[in-house]
Amino acid sequence: MNKRTYGKVCCVVNCKNTQYNTKNVHFYSFSMKPHKVEQREKCIKAVRRRNADGSLWQPNKYTKVCSEHFIGNAKSEHPLSPSFLPTIFL
């Protein structure tokens, strides 16, 4: 298998950012922690991705969103920050 199959890849539809083809871009995981379920669900909805059957897509523990989808190019952990959820989709 090609080694580029592995690594960080942005899950946002039509985003081509990977750890191999972009510099100065960070990749953020969808939190799997039980106390961050609400943040995780909001982030999933913000990404607006669907499965082929139309059902809501679910990330796994390796799924990432790149910093280009966050205001200021960085994710915030503060719920009132505009960078708390990904909101930029080009």
N, C-alpha and C. Protein backbone atom coordinates (compact mmCIF):
# COMPACT_ATOMS: atom_id res chain seq x y z
N MET A 1 0.83 -1.19 0.00
CA MET A 1 0.00 0.00 0.00
C MET A 1 0.87 1.25 0.00
N ASN A 2 0.43 2.25 -0.66
CA ASN A 2 1.15 3.52 -0.71
C ASN A 2 1.14 4.16 0.67
N LYS A 3 2.30 4.62 1.13
CA LYS A 3 2.36 5.21 2.47
C LYS A 3 1.53 6.48 2.59
N ARG A 4 1.23 7.13 1.50
CA ARG A 4 0.41 8.34 1.53
C ARG A 4 -1.06 8.04 1.79
N THR A 5 -1.43 6.80 1.80
CA THR A 5 -2.78 6.42 2.16
C THR A 5 -3.02 6.69 3.64
N TYR A 6 -1.96 6.64 4.41
CA TYR A 6 -2.04 6.86 5.84
C TYR A 6 -1.74 8.31 6.17
N GLY A 7 -2.12 8.72 7.35
CA GLY A 7 -1.81 10.07 7.77
C GLY A 7 -3.04 10.93 7.89
N LYS A 8 -2.80 12.20 8.09
CA LYS A 8 -3.88 13.15 8.32
C LYS A 8 -4.45 13.66 7.01
N VAL A 9 -5.78 13.55 6.90
CA VAL A 9 -6.51 13.98 5.72
C VAL A 9 -7.77 14.70 6.20
N CYS A 10 -8.08 15.84 5.62
CA CYS A 10 -9.29 16.56 6.02
C CYS A 10 -10.53 15.83 5.49
N CYS A 11 -11.54 15.70 6.35
CA CYS A 11 -12.75 14.96 5.99
C CYS A 11 -13.81 15.82 5.31
N VAL A 12 -13.61 17.13 5.23
CA VAL A 12 -14.61 18.00 4.64
C VAL A 12 -14.70 17.74 3.14
N VAL A 13 -15.93 17.62 2.66
CA VAL A 13 -16.17 17.34 1.24
C VAL A 13 -15.48 18.40 0.38
N ASN A 14 -14.77 17.96 -0.63
CA ASN A 14 -14.03 18.79 -1.59
C ASN A 14 -12.78 19.45 -1.03
N CYS A 15 -12.42 19.21 0.22
CA CYS A 15 -11.17 19.73 0.76
C CYS A 15 -10.08 18.71 0.45
N LYS A 16 -9.01 19.15 -0.13
CA LYS A 16 -7.93 18.26 -0.54
C LYS A 16 -6.72 18.30 0.39
N ASN A 17 -6.86 18.96 1.54
CA ASN A 17 -5.72 19.11 2.44
C ASN A 17 -5.34 17.80 3.12
N THR A 18 -4.05 17.50 3.06
CA THR A 18 -3.47 16.36 3.76
C THR A 18 -2.19 16.83 4.42
N GLN A 19 -1.66 16.01 5.29
CA GLN A 19 -0.39 16.37 5.92
C GLN A 19 0.75 16.38 4.90
N TYR A 20 0.54 15.78 3.77
CA TYR A 20 1.60 15.69 2.76
C TYR A 20 1.59 16.85 1.77
N ASN A 21 0.43 17.45 1.52
CA ASN A 21 0.37 18.48 0.49
C ASN A 21 0.15 19.90 1.01
N THR A 22 0.11 20.08 2.32
CA THR A 22 -0.11 21.41 2.87
C THR A 22 0.89 21.69 3.99
N LYS A 23 1.29 22.94 4.07
CA LYS A 23 2.17 23.37 5.16
C LYS A 23 1.38 24.35 6.02
N ASN A 24 1.74 24.42 7.27
CA ASN A 24 1.11 25.34 8.22
C ASN A 24 -0.39 25.12 8.37
N VAL A 25 -0.84 23.90 8.14
CA VAL A 25 -2.24 23.53 8.36
C VAL A 25 -2.25 22.48 9.46
N HIS A 26 -3.10 22.69 10.44
CA HIS A 26 -3.23 21.73 11.54
C HIS A 26 -4.48 20.89 11.31
N PHE A 27 -4.49 19.70 11.89
CA PHE A 27 -5.62 18.79 11.75
C PHE A 27 -6.17 18.47 13.13
N TYR A 28 -7.49 18.60 13.26
CA TYR A 28 -8.16 18.41 14.54
C TYR A 28 -9.09 17.20 14.48
N SER A 29 -9.08 16.43 15.56
CA SER A 29 -9.93 15.25 15.68
C SER A 29 -11.32 15.64 16.17
N PHE A 30 -12.27 14.78 15.91
CA PHE A 30 -13.59 14.90 16.52
C PHE A 30 -13.45 14.25 17.90
N SER A 31 -13.76 14.98 18.93
CA SER A 31 -13.56 14.46 20.28
C SER A 31 -14.36 13.18 20.51
N MET A 32 -13.69 12.19 21.08
CA MET A 32 -14.34 10.93 21.42
C MET A 32 -14.61 10.85 22.92
N LYS A 33 -14.28 11.91 23.64
CA LYS A 33 -14.44 11.90 25.10
C LYS A 33 -15.91 12.02 25.47
N PRO A 34 -16.35 11.22 26.44
CA PRO A 34 -17.77 11.22 26.83
C PRO A 34 -18.28 12.59 27.27
N HIS A 35 -17.44 13.40 27.90
CA HIS A 35 -17.90 14.72 28.37
C HIS A 35 -17.94 15.77 27.25
N LYS A 36 -17.54 15.38 26.04
CA LYS A 36 -17.56 16.31 24.90
C LYS A 36 -18.52 15.85 23.80
N VAL A 37 -19.52 15.08 24.16
CA VAL A 37 -20.48 14.55 23.19
C VAL A 37 -21.20 15.68 22.47
N GLU A 38 -21.61 16.71 23.19
CA GLU A 38 -22.35 17.81 22.59
C GLU A 38 -21.48 18.54 21.55
N GLN A 39 -20.23 18.80 21.88
CA GLN A 39 -19.32 19.46 20.94
C GLN A 39 -19.12 18.58 19.70
N ARG A 40 -18.96 17.30 19.91
CA ARG A 40 -18.77 16.36 18.80
C ARG A 40 -19.97 16.39 17.85
N GLU A 41 -21.18 16.31 18.41
CA GLU A 41 -22.39 16.31 17.59
C GLU A 41 -22.55 17.62 16.81
N LYS A 42 -22.24 18.73 17.44
CA LYS A 42 -22.31 20.02 16.75
C LYS A 42 -21.30 20.09 15.60
N CYS A 43 -20.13 19.55 15.84
CA CYS A 43 -19.08 19.54 14.81
C CYS A 43 -19.49 18.66 13.63
N ILE A 44 -20.08 17.51 13.91
CA ILE A 44 -20.55 16.61 12.84
C ILE A 44 -21.59 17.32 11.99
N LYS A 45 -22.53 18.00 12.63
CA LYS A 45 -23.57 18.73 11.89
C LYS A 45 -22.97 19.88 11.09
N ALA A 46 -21.97 20.55 11.66
CA ALA A 46 -21.34 21.68 10.97
C ALA A 46 -20.64 21.24 9.69
N VAL A 47 -20.06 20.05 9.69
CA VAL A 47 -19.36 19.54 8.51
C VAL A 47 -20.32 19.23 7.37
N ARG A 48 -21.59 18.95 7.69
CA ARG A 48 -22.65 18.72 6.69
C ARG A 48 -22.31 17.61 5.70
N ARG A 49 -21.81 16.54 6.22
CA ARG A 49 -21.46 15.41 5.35
C ARG A 49 -22.51 14.31 5.53
N ARG A 50 -22.87 13.65 4.45
CA ARG A 50 -23.87 12.58 4.47
C ARG A 50 -23.30 11.31 3.88
N ASN A 51 -23.85 10.18 4.31
CA ASN A 51 -23.51 8.89 3.72
C ASN A 51 -24.24 8.75 2.39
N ALA A 52 -23.87 7.77 1.60
CA ALA A 52 -24.49 7.54 0.29
C ALA A 52 -26.00 7.33 0.40
N ASP A 53 -26.46 6.75 1.51
CA ASP A 53 -27.90 6.51 1.69
C ASP A 53 -28.64 7.72 2.26
N GLY A 54 -27.93 8.84 2.46
CA GLY A 54 -28.54 10.05 2.97
C GLY A 54 -28.50 10.20 4.47
N SER A 55 -28.07 9.18 5.18
CA SER A 55 -27.99 9.25 6.64
C SER A 55 -26.82 10.14 7.07
N LEU A 56 -26.90 10.63 8.29
CA LEU A 56 -25.85 11.49 8.82
C LEU A 56 -24.55 10.71 8.98
N TRP A 57 -23.50 11.23 8.41
CA TRP A 57 -22.18 10.63 8.46
C TRP A 57 -21.62 10.69 9.88
N GLN A 58 -20.87 9.68 10.26
CA GLN A 58 -20.24 9.63 11.58
C GLN A 58 -18.73 9.46 11.42
N PRO A 59 -17.94 10.32 12.06
CA PRO A 59 -16.49 10.17 11.99
C PRO A 59 -16.01 9.03 12.87
N ASN A 60 -14.79 8.55 12.59
CA ASN A 60 -14.18 7.57 13.48
C ASN A 60 -13.05 8.25 14.25
N LYS A 61 -12.31 7.50 15.02
CA LYS A 61 -11.28 8.11 15.87
C LYS A 61 -10.11 8.69 15.08
N TYR A 62 -10.01 8.37 13.81
CA TYR A 62 -8.92 8.89 12.98
C TYR A 62 -9.33 10.08 12.11
N THR A 63 -10.60 10.39 12.06
CA THR A 63 -11.12 11.44 11.20
C THR A 63 -10.65 12.81 11.68
N LYS A 64 -10.26 13.66 10.73
CA LYS A 64 -9.74 14.99 11.05
C LYS A 64 -10.43 16.07 10.22
N VAL A 65 -10.44 17.29 10.77
CA VAL A 65 -10.87 18.49 10.06
C VAL A 65 -9.66 19.42 10.09
N CYS A 66 -9.32 20.00 8.94
CA CYS A 66 -8.15 20.87 8.90
C CYS A 66 -8.48 22.28 9.40
N SER A 67 -7.44 22.98 9.79
CA SER A 67 -7.58 24.32 10.37
C SER A 67 -8.16 25.35 9.40
N GLU A 68 -8.12 25.08 8.10
CA GLU A 68 -8.66 26.04 7.14
C GLU A 68 -10.17 26.21 7.25
N HIS A 69 -10.84 25.34 8.00
CA HIS A 69 -12.29 25.43 8.16
C HIS A 69 -12.70 26.14 9.46
N PHE A 70 -11.71 26.67 10.18
CA PHE A 70 -11.97 27.39 11.42
C PHE A 70 -11.57 28.85 11.26
N ILE A 71 -12.36 29.75 11.81
CA ILE A 71 -12.03 31.17 11.79
C ILE A 71 -10.70 31.35 12.50
N GLY A 72 -9.80 32.07 11.86
CA GLY A 72 -8.47 32.29 12.43
C GLY A 72 -7.53 31.11 12.22
N ASN A 73 -7.96 30.13 11.45
CA ASN A 73 -7.16 28.92 11.16
C ASN A 73 -6.76 28.14 12.40
N ALA A 74 -7.58 28.19 13.43
CA ALA A 74 -7.30 27.41 14.64
C ALA A 74 -8.60 27.12 15.38
N LYS A 75 -8.71 25.91 15.88
CA LYS A 75 -9.88 25.50 16.65
C LYS A 75 -9.76 26.01 18.08
N SER A 76 -10.87 26.47 18.62
CA SER A 76 -10.91 26.91 20.01
C SER A 76 -11.69 25.89 20.83
N GLU A 77 -11.31 25.72 22.07
CA GLU A 77 -12.04 24.84 22.99
C GLU A 77 -13.12 25.60 23.76
N HIS A 78 -13.19 26.91 23.57
CA HIS A 78 -14.17 27.73 24.27
C HIS A 78 -15.48 27.76 23.48
N PRO A 79 -16.59 27.30 24.07
CA PRO A 79 -17.86 27.21 23.35
C PRO A 79 -18.39 28.52 22.78
N LEU A 80 -18.00 29.65 23.32
CA LEU A 80 -18.49 30.94 22.83
C LEU A 80 -17.60 31.52 21.73
N SER A 81 -16.49 30.89 21.46
CA SER A 81 -15.58 31.38 20.43
C SER A 81 -16.13 31.08 19.04
N PRO A 82 -15.94 31.99 18.08
CA PRO A 82 -16.37 31.70 16.71
C PRO A 82 -15.56 30.56 16.07
N SER A 83 -14.46 30.18 16.70
CA SER A 83 -13.62 29.08 16.19
C SER A 83 -13.88 27.76 16.91
N PHE A 84 -14.98 27.69 17.64
CA PHE A 84 -15.32 26.46 18.36
C PHE A 84 -15.71 25.34 17.40
N LEU A 85 -16.40 25.71 16.31
CA LEU A 85 -16.85 24.75 15.29
C LEU A 85 -16.31 25.16 13.93
N PRO A 86 -16.14 24.20 13.02
CA PRO A 86 -15.73 24.56 11.66
C PRO A 86 -16.89 25.28 10.96
N THR A 87 -16.61 26.45 10.40
CA THR A 87 -17.66 27.22 9.74
C THR A 87 -17.28 27.71 8.35
N ILE A 88 -16.06 27.45 7.92
CA ILE A 88 -15.59 27.92 6.62
C ILE A 88 -15.53 26.73 5.67
N PHE A 89 -16.39 26.76 4.66
CA PHE A 89 -16.44 25.68 3.67
C PHE A 89 -16.38 26.31 2.29
N LEU A 90 -15.25 26.17 1.63
CA LEU A 90 -15.03 26.82 0.33
C LEU A 90 -15.59 25.99 -0.80
